[in-house]
C-alpha cells in the first residue's frame, strides 16, 4: 500500500504574477479550496495519510493551511460558517503533515530528492498541485487508479495523457510497449522535446508513484534540460534497469499552472462540483 505522498511546492509560480508575489501558487483557490487541498484530498482517496511538502521561501501559507487556526475557529464557532472549515479540519484531524526546504531550485528531480528525509525507504506518490485531476464521474481519482496498479506491479508509475503534437515541448514524453488498457512499459523518456524530436505525444502529467530506489538514482543523475536535475532522466535510468510503467488515466486534468487551464478548472468545479 502507498501511504506516503510528496508535494514539491517550492516553485515561484511566475506565470501568475503579480498574484503569486506574496502567495504560493498552490494556495490559489479553485472556487473555494486551494489547489493543494484538492491534491491532498485526491491522495487521501487513494489511501494515503502521511504527507510531506518540499517548500521554499514564502511558502508558509501552505503549512498554515494544514494547521489549526484557533483564532478563526473560535470566532466562527457555533455559526453557520463553521461548516465551511469541515473539509480542511477533517484532513488535519486524520492525516500527518511534515515540511522540509528546497534551498535552491534545481529541477523536479532535485525537489523530490530534497524530500527523502520525509519518505524514508518507502514507496510514495508525488503530486504536482498545479495539475488538478478529477476521476470520471462515479469512478476513482487518478492517484487511486495508480495505487491499484502499484499494488499489482510494484514498480514506479507515471500518469500520462495525449497532448497535441505541437505541445510536446512543455512535457516529459514517453515511448513504450503497450501492455493493456492504457498501460505502457516505458522504453524511452524525453524531457520537453521539440515536436519533431518527440517519440510520441504521450505526455507525463503531475502524478507519480515512485519506488524508494529512485533517490539513489537521482543522486547519480547529472543535470539535464535547462541545467536542472530532471525526474524523467532518473526514471529512464530506472526503466532501463528494471521497469517503469506509464498509465493513461481515466478522468480529466487541468493545467492550473497556466491562466487558461486555471480558468477552465474553476468553471468546471463550479458547474460540476460546487453547485452540485
Protein backbone atom coordinates (compact mmCIF):
# COMPACT_ATOMS: atom_id res chain seq x y z
CA UNK A 1 0.00 0.00 0.00
CA UNK A 2 1.12 3.54 -0.77
CA UNK A 3 0.84 5.53 2.47
CA UNK A 4 3.14 8.50 1.80
CA UNK A 5 2.83 11.37 -0.65
CA UNK A 6 5.30 14.13 -1.51
CA UNK A 7 4.28 17.59 -2.72
CA UNK A 8 7.08 19.62 -4.35
CA UNK A 9 5.79 23.15 -3.69
CA UNK A 10 8.91 25.32 -3.76
CA UNK A 11 8.34 26.90 -7.20
CA UNK A 12 7.72 30.60 -7.68
CA UNK A 13 4.58 30.48 -9.84
CA UNK A 14 5.84 33.23 -12.11
CA UNK A 15 3.08 32.69 -14.69
CA UNK A 16 0.59 34.05 -12.14
CA UNK A 17 2.44 37.21 -11.16
CA UNK A 18 1.57 39.55 -9.54
CA UNK A 19 -0.93 37.28 -7.67
CA UNK A 20 1.87 34.93 -6.59
CA UNK A 21 4.30 37.65 -5.49
CA UNK A 22 3.37 37.07 -1.84
CA UNK A 23 1.11 33.99 -2.07
CA UNK A 24 2.13 30.45 -3.06
CA UNK A 25 0.64 29.39 -6.40
CA UNK A 26 -0.51 26.17 -4.69
CA UNK A 27 -2.80 28.30 -2.50
CA UNK A 28 -4.65 29.83 -5.45
CA UNK A 29 -8.34 28.99 -4.91
CA UNK A 30 -10.34 26.95 -7.39
CA UNK A 31 -13.77 28.19 -6.30
CA UNK A 32 -13.49 27.79 -2.51
CA UNK A 33 -10.49 25.50 -1.95
CA UNK A 34 -6.79 25.98 -2.71
CA UNK A 35 -5.18 23.82 -5.37
CA UNK A 36 -3.01 22.00 -2.85
CA UNK A 37 -6.05 20.85 -0.85
CA UNK A 38 -7.56 19.22 -3.94
CA UNK A 39 -4.29 17.29 -4.35
CA UNK A 40 -4.29 16.15 -0.72
CA UNK A 41 -7.92 15.03 -0.96
CA UNK A 42 -7.12 13.02 -4.10
CA UNK A 43 -4.27 11.31 -2.24
CA UNK A 44 -6.45 10.57 0.80
CA UNK A 45 -8.94 8.86 -1.51
CA UNK A 46 -6.05 6.63 -2.65
CA UNK A 47 -5.43 5.50 0.95
CA UNK A 48 -2.57 7.91 1.76
CA UNK A 49 -2.37 9.54 5.19
CA UNK A 50 1.24 10.75 5.51
CA UNK A 51 2.13 13.93 3.59
CA UNK A 52 5.46 15.62 3.01
CA UNK A 53 5.90 19.07 1.47
CA UNK A 54 9.13 20.33 -0.09
CA UNK A 55 8.76 24.07 0.35
CA UNK A 56 10.80 27.21 -0.19
CA UNK A 57 10.88 30.80 0.89
CA UNK A 58 7.49 32.49 1.03
CA UNK A 59 5.54 29.24 1.34
CA UNK A 60 4.46 29.47 4.98
CA UNK A 61 0.78 29.77 3.99
CA UNK A 62 0.77 26.10 2.93
CA UNK A 63 1.88 24.91 6.38
CA UNK A 64 -0.62 27.28 8.00
CA UNK A 65 -3.43 25.88 5.85
CA UNK A 66 -2.82 22.35 7.17
CA UNK A 67 -2.80 23.53 10.77
CA UNK A 68 -5.48 24.58 13.24
CA UNK A 69 -6.39 28.27 13.26
CA UNK A 70 -7.55 28.79 16.84
CA UNK A 71 -8.48 32.45 16.45
CA UNK A 72 -10.56 31.92 13.33
CA UNK A 73 -12.25 28.77 14.61
CA UNK A 74 -13.11 30.43 17.92
CA UNK A 75 -14.54 33.42 16.09
CA UNK A 76 -16.93 31.38 13.92
CA UNK A 77 -17.72 28.61 16.42
CA UNK A 78 -21.46 27.97 16.60
CA UNK A 79 -22.20 29.92 13.45
CA UNK A 80 -23.20 28.64 10.03
CA UNK A 81 -19.70 29.42 8.79
CA UNK A 82 -18.18 26.68 10.96
CA UNK A 83 -19.25 24.06 8.42
CA UNK A 84 -17.13 25.78 5.75
CA UNK A 85 -14.00 24.56 7.56
CA UNK A 86 -15.15 20.94 7.85
CA UNK A 87 -13.21 19.64 4.83
CA UNK A 88 -9.86 21.02 5.95
CA UNK A 89 -10.41 20.11 9.62
CA UNK A 90 -11.14 16.54 8.54
CA UNK A 91 -7.82 16.43 6.70
CA UNK A 92 -5.93 17.92 9.66
CA UNK A 93 -7.51 15.51 12.17
CA UNK A 94 -6.91 12.33 10.18
CA UNK A 95 -3.55 12.80 8.44
CA UNK A 96 0.06 13.75 9.16
CA UNK A 97 1.85 16.70 7.57
CA UNK A 98 5.59 17.40 7.54
CA UNK A 99 7.67 20.06 5.80
CA UNK A 100 11.23 20.48 4.57
CA UNK A 101 13.02 23.12 2.49
CA UNK A 102 14.48 23.03 -1.01
CA UNK A 103 17.06 25.80 -0.71
CA UNK A 104 17.79 26.05 -4.44
CA UNK A 105 15.57 25.50 -7.48
CA UNK A 106 17.40 22.73 -9.33
CA UNK A 107 14.55 20.91 -11.03
CA UNK A 108 11.83 18.44 -10.08
CA UNK A 109 14.31 15.61 -9.58
CA UNK A 110 16.21 17.68 -7.04
CA UNK A 111 12.95 18.70 -5.33
CA UNK A 112 11.96 15.05 -4.91
CA UNK A 113 15.42 14.20 -3.60
CA UNK A 114 15.06 17.05 -1.08
CA UNK A 115 12.07 15.21 0.39
CA UNK A 116 13.98 11.98 1.01
CA UNK A 117 14.08 12.56 4.78
CA UNK A 118 10.27 12.71 4.82
CA UNK A 119 9.81 9.49 2.84
CA UNK A 120 12.48 7.13 4.09
CA UNK A 121 12.69 3.69 2.50
CA UNK A 122 9.07 3.60 1.36
CA UNK A 123 7.25 3.70 -1.96
CA UNK A 124 5.48 7.03 -2.34
CA UNK A 125 3.29 9.17 -4.52
CA UNK A 126 4.24 12.57 -5.92
CA UNK A 127 1.59 15.19 -6.66
CA UNK A 128 2.23 18.42 -8.55
CA UNK A 129 -0.56 20.61 -7.22
CA UNK A 130 -0.86 22.80 -10.30
CA UNK A 131 -2.17 19.77 -12.19
CA UNK A 132 -5.75 19.48 -10.93
CA UNK A 133 -7.04 15.98 -11.68
CA UNK A 134 -10.57 14.62 -11.48
CA UNK A 135 -11.58 11.00 -12.00
CA UNK A 136 -14.53 10.13 -14.20
CA UNK A 137 -17.89 10.72 -12.55
CA UNK A 138 -18.54 7.93 -10.06
CA UNK A 139 -15.06 6.48 -10.57
CA UNK A 140 -11.83 6.61 -8.55
CA UNK A 141 -9.43 9.55 -8.72
CA UNK A 142 -6.19 9.41 -10.67
CA UNK A 143 -3.95 8.51 -7.73
CA UNK A 144 -6.38 5.82 -6.59
CA UNK A 145 -6.21 4.30 -10.08
CA UNK A 146 -2.41 4.37 -9.97
CA UNK A 147 -2.24 2.95 -6.44
CA UNK A 148 -4.27 -0.03 -7.57
CA UNK A 149 -1.78 -0.61 -10.39
CA UNK A 150 1.14 -0.30 -7.97
CA UNK A 151 -0.38 -2.99 -5.77
CA UNK A 152 -0.32 -5.25 -8.82
CA UNK A 153 3.06 -4.39 -10.41
CA UNK A 154 5.17 -2.96 -7.53
CA UNK A 155 7.17 -0.57 -9.70
CA UNK A 156 7.30 3.14 -10.47
CA UNK A 157 4.33 4.50 -12.42
CA UNK A 158 3.77 7.85 -14.16
CA UNK A 159 0.44 9.26 -15.29
CA UNK A 160 0.22 10.24 -18.96
CA UNK A 161 -2.21 11.79 -21.38
CA UNK A 162 -2.20 12.51 -25.09
CA UNK A 163 -1.34 16.10 -25.93
CA UNK A 164 -1.33 17.95 -29.27
CA UNK A 165 1.98 17.15 -31.02
CA UNK A 166 2.92 20.82 -31.12
CA UNK A 167 2.84 20.94 -27.28
CA UNK A 168 5.35 18.17 -26.55
CA UNK A 169 7.97 20.82 -25.70
CA UNK A 170 6.03 21.54 -22.46
CA UNK A 171 6.21 18.00 -21.05
CA UNK A 172 8.24 14.91 -20.43
CA UNK A 173 7.23 12.49 -23.21
CA UNK A 174 7.35 8.69 -23.14
CA UNK A 175 7.57 5.84 -25.59
CA UNK A 176 6.99 2.23 -24.74
CA UNK A 177 5.29 -1.09 -25.23
CA UNK A 178 1.50 -1.03 -24.90
CA UNK A 179 0.51 -3.70 -22.40
CA UNK A 180 -3.24 -3.27 -21.84
CA UNK A 181 -5.96 -0.71 -21.06
CA UNK A 182 -3.84 2.40 -21.48
CA UNK A 183 -0.85 0.86 -19.67
CA UNK A 184 2.64 1.09 -21.21
CA UNK A 185 6.02 -0.30 -20.23
CA UNK A 186 8.38 2.61 -20.80
CA UNK A 187 11.36 2.22 -23.11
CA UNK A 188 12.21 5.89 -23.61
CA UNK A 189 11.53 9.25 -21.94
CA UNK A 190 12.50 12.69 -23.24
CA UNK A 191 12.18 15.95 -21.31
CA UNK A 192 10.37 18.70 -23.26
CA UNK A 193 11.31 17.56 -26.77
CA UNK A 194 10.64 19.68 -29.83
CA UNK A 195 7.66 18.28 -31.79
CA UNK A 196 9.94 16.86 -34.47
CA UNK A 197 12.02 15.04 -31.83
CA UNK A 198 9.20 13.67 -29.67
CA UNK A 199 8.92 9.86 -29.72
CA UNK A 200 5.12 10.06 -29.19
CA UNK A 201 2.53 12.55 -27.99
CA UNK A 202 2.09 10.72 -24.64
CA UNK A 203 2.99 13.33 -22.04
CA UNK A 204 3.72 12.87 -18.34
CA UNK A 205 1.47 14.91 -16.05
CA UNK A 206 1.89 15.71 -12.37
CA UNK A 207 1.11 12.33 -10.78
CA UNK A 208 3.78 9.74 -9.97
CA UNK A 209 4.21 6.66 -7.82
CA UNK A 210 7.89 6.01 -7.15
CA UNK A 211 9.85 3.22 -5.52
CA UNK A 212 12.45 4.37 -2.96
CA UNK A 213 15.47 3.35 -5.07
CA UNK A 214 14.68 6.43 -7.17
CA UNK A 215 16.51 8.57 -4.58
CA UNK A 216 19.87 6.94 -5.22
CA UNK A 217 19.28 7.15 -8.97
CA UNK A 218 18.51 10.89 -8.71
CA UNK A 219 21.71 11.41 -6.69
CA UNK A 220 23.66 9.98 -9.62
CA UNK A 221 21.70 11.78 -12.34
CA UNK A 222 23.58 14.73 -13.87
CA UNK A 223 21.75 17.96 -14.72
CA UNK A 224 19.83 17.69 -17.97
CA UNK A 225 17.42 20.00 -19.79
CA UNK A 226 17.86 23.64 -18.70
CA UNK A 227 20.68 22.60 -16.38
CA UNK A 228 18.20 21.03 -13.94
CA UNK A 229 18.05 17.56 -12.40
CA UNK A 230 15.14 16.04 -14.31
CA UNK A 231 12.98 13.30 -12.83
CA UNK A 232 12.43 12.00 -16.38
CA UNK A 233 16.18 11.28 -16.72
CA UNK A 234 16.18 9.39 -13.42
CA UNK A 235 13.08 7.44 -14.36
CA UNK A 236 14.59 6.47 -17.70
CA UNK A 237 17.57 5.04 -15.85
CA UNK A 238 15.18 3.16 -13.58
CA UNK A 239 13.24 1.88 -16.61
CA UNK A 240 16.40 0.55 -18.23
CA UNK A 241 17.43 -1.22 -15.02
CA UNK A 242 14.02 -2.68 -14.31
CA UNK A 243 10.50 -1.49 -15.06
CA UNK A 244 8.64 1.82 -15.10
CA UNK A 245 5.03 1.95 -16.26
CA UNK A 246 3.04 4.77 -17.81
CA UNK A 247 -0.70 4.90 -17.29
CA UNK A 248 -3.23 6.79 -19.42
CA UNK A 249 -5.62 7.61 -16.60
CA UNK A 250 -9.39 7.83 -16.72
CA UNK A 251 -10.59 11.33 -15.93
CA UNK A 252 -9.79 14.98 -16.51
CA UNK A 253 -6.66 17.01 -15.91
CA UNK A 254 -6.48 20.80 -15.81
CA UNK A 255 -3.16 22.62 -16.18
CA UNK A 256 -3.65 25.16 -13.40
CA UNK A 257 -0.11 26.39 -13.89
CA UNK A 258 -1.50 28.34 -16.85
CA UNK A 259 -4.11 31.08 -16.80
CA UNK A 260 -6.33 29.31 -19.36
CA UNK A 261 -6.20 25.98 -17.52
CA UNK A 262 -6.89 27.64 -14.18
CA UNK A 263 -9.99 29.39 -15.52
CA UNK A 264 -11.15 26.17 -17.18
CA UNK A 265 -10.72 24.27 -13.90
CA UNK A 266 -12.59 26.94 -11.95
CA UNK A 267 -15.53 26.82 -14.35
CA UNK A 268 -15.60 23.00 -14.27
CA UNK A 269 -15.50 22.77 -10.47
CA UNK A 270 -18.12 25.49 -10.08
CA UNK A 271 -20.54 23.87 -12.52
CA UNK A 272 -19.98 20.19 -11.66
CA UNK A 273 -18.91 20.06 -8.01
CA UNK A 274 -19.63 23.26 -6.11
CA UNK A 275 -23.15 23.87 -7.45
CA UNK A 276 -23.96 20.14 -7.39
